[in-house]
């Protein structure tokens, strides 16, 4: 079990592409949460440029919580239009 935890920790801390991040994020959030899309993540990057010191790379550990909070308001704003 210890080895599996280390693999998950390494993956969560690693930086990856937006495609890998979207797939992992959408697979591992509750069904009631808004799903991530490339369009939404591009808008998120514009809103939080300081979170992307490593260029276009994404990290579950660094971006997931902030994205979960932000996506809720982003989807509500889209629905109100």
Protein backbone atom coordinates (compact mmCIF):
# COMPACT_ATOMS: atom_id res chain seq x y z
CA UNK A 1 0.00 0.00 0.00
CA UNK A 2 2.88 2.33 0.74
CA UNK A 3 4.14 2.08 -2.85
CA UNK A 4 0.72 3.03 -4.25
CA UNK A 5 0.56 6.09 -2.01
CA UNK A 6 3.99 7.22 -3.22
CA UNK A 7 2.94 6.79 -6.87
CA UNK A 8 -0.20 8.87 -6.28
CA UNK A 9 1.79 11.54 -4.45
CA UNK A 10 4.33 11.68 -7.27
CA UNK A 11 1.57 11.99 -9.89
CA UNK A 12 -0.30 14.68 -7.91
CA UNK A 13 2.85 16.75 -7.49
CA UNK A 14 4.13 16.27 -11.05
CA UNK A 15 3.44 18.81 -13.77
CA UNK A 16 1.61 17.55 -16.83
CA UNK A 17 -0.20 18.62 -19.99
CA UNK A 18 -3.65 20.16 -19.95
CA UNK A 19 -5.08 17.05 -21.64
CA UNK A 20 -3.78 14.69 -18.93
CA UNK A 21 -4.91 17.10 -16.21
CA UNK A 22 -8.46 17.33 -17.64
CA UNK A 23 -8.78 13.56 -17.94
CA UNK A 24 -7.56 12.92 -14.39
CA UNK A 25 -9.51 15.82 -12.88
CA UNK A 26 -12.84 14.88 -14.49
CA UNK A 27 -12.40 11.23 -13.57
CA UNK A 28 -11.74 12.00 -9.90
CA UNK A 29 -14.25 14.70 -8.95
CA UNK A 30 -17.76 14.11 -7.58
CA UNK A 31 -20.40 13.73 -10.29
CA UNK A 32 -22.16 16.94 -9.17
CA UNK A 33 -19.11 19.16 -9.78
CA UNK A 34 -18.65 20.99 -13.10
CA UNK A 35 -16.33 19.19 -15.50
CA UNK A 36 -13.12 20.77 -16.73
CA UNK A 37 -12.78 21.65 -20.41
CA UNK A 38 -9.91 23.13 -22.39
CA UNK A 39 -11.91 26.35 -22.83
CA UNK A 40 -12.58 26.65 -19.09
CA UNK A 41 -8.96 25.91 -18.22
CA UNK A 42 -7.75 28.57 -20.66
CA UNK A 43 -10.00 31.10 -18.90
CA UNK A 44 -8.71 29.88 -15.52
CA UNK A 45 -5.11 30.46 -16.65
CA UNK A 46 -6.00 34.04 -17.58
CA UNK A 47 -7.62 34.56 -14.16
CA UNK A 48 -4.68 33.07 -12.21
CA UNK A 49 -1.46 33.68 -14.14
CA UNK A 50 0.62 33.41 -10.95
CA UNK A 51 -0.24 29.71 -10.68
CA UNK A 52 1.56 29.00 -13.94
CA UNK A 53 5.17 29.83 -13.20
CA UNK A 54 6.20 26.68 -15.09
CA UNK A 55 4.53 27.76 -18.31
CA UNK A 56 1.53 25.78 -19.50
CA UNK A 57 2.04 22.83 -17.15
CA UNK A 58 -0.69 21.71 -14.75
CA UNK A 59 -0.42 19.95 -11.39
CA UNK A 60 -3.23 18.21 -9.52
CA UNK A 61 -1.65 19.26 -6.23
CA UNK A 62 -1.21 22.91 -7.20
CA UNK A 63 -4.31 23.60 -9.31
CA UNK A 64 -7.15 21.19 -8.38
CA UNK A 65 -8.62 22.91 -5.30
CA UNK A 66 -8.49 26.42 -6.76
CA UNK A 67 -9.95 25.14 -10.05
CA UNK A 68 -12.81 23.34 -8.27
CA UNK A 69 -13.83 26.58 -6.54
CA UNK A 70 -13.40 28.68 -9.67
CA UNK A 71 -15.26 26.29 -12.02
CA UNK A 72 -18.42 26.58 -9.95
CA UNK A 73 -18.62 30.35 -10.44
CA UNK A 74 -17.44 30.07 -14.07
CA UNK A 75 -20.27 27.67 -14.95
CA UNK A 76 -22.82 29.80 -13.08
CA UNK A 77 -21.73 32.86 -15.09
CA UNK A 78 -22.09 30.94 -18.37
CA UNK A 79 -25.57 29.72 -17.40
CA UNK A 80 -26.73 33.27 -16.60
CA UNK A 81 -25.81 34.56 -20.09
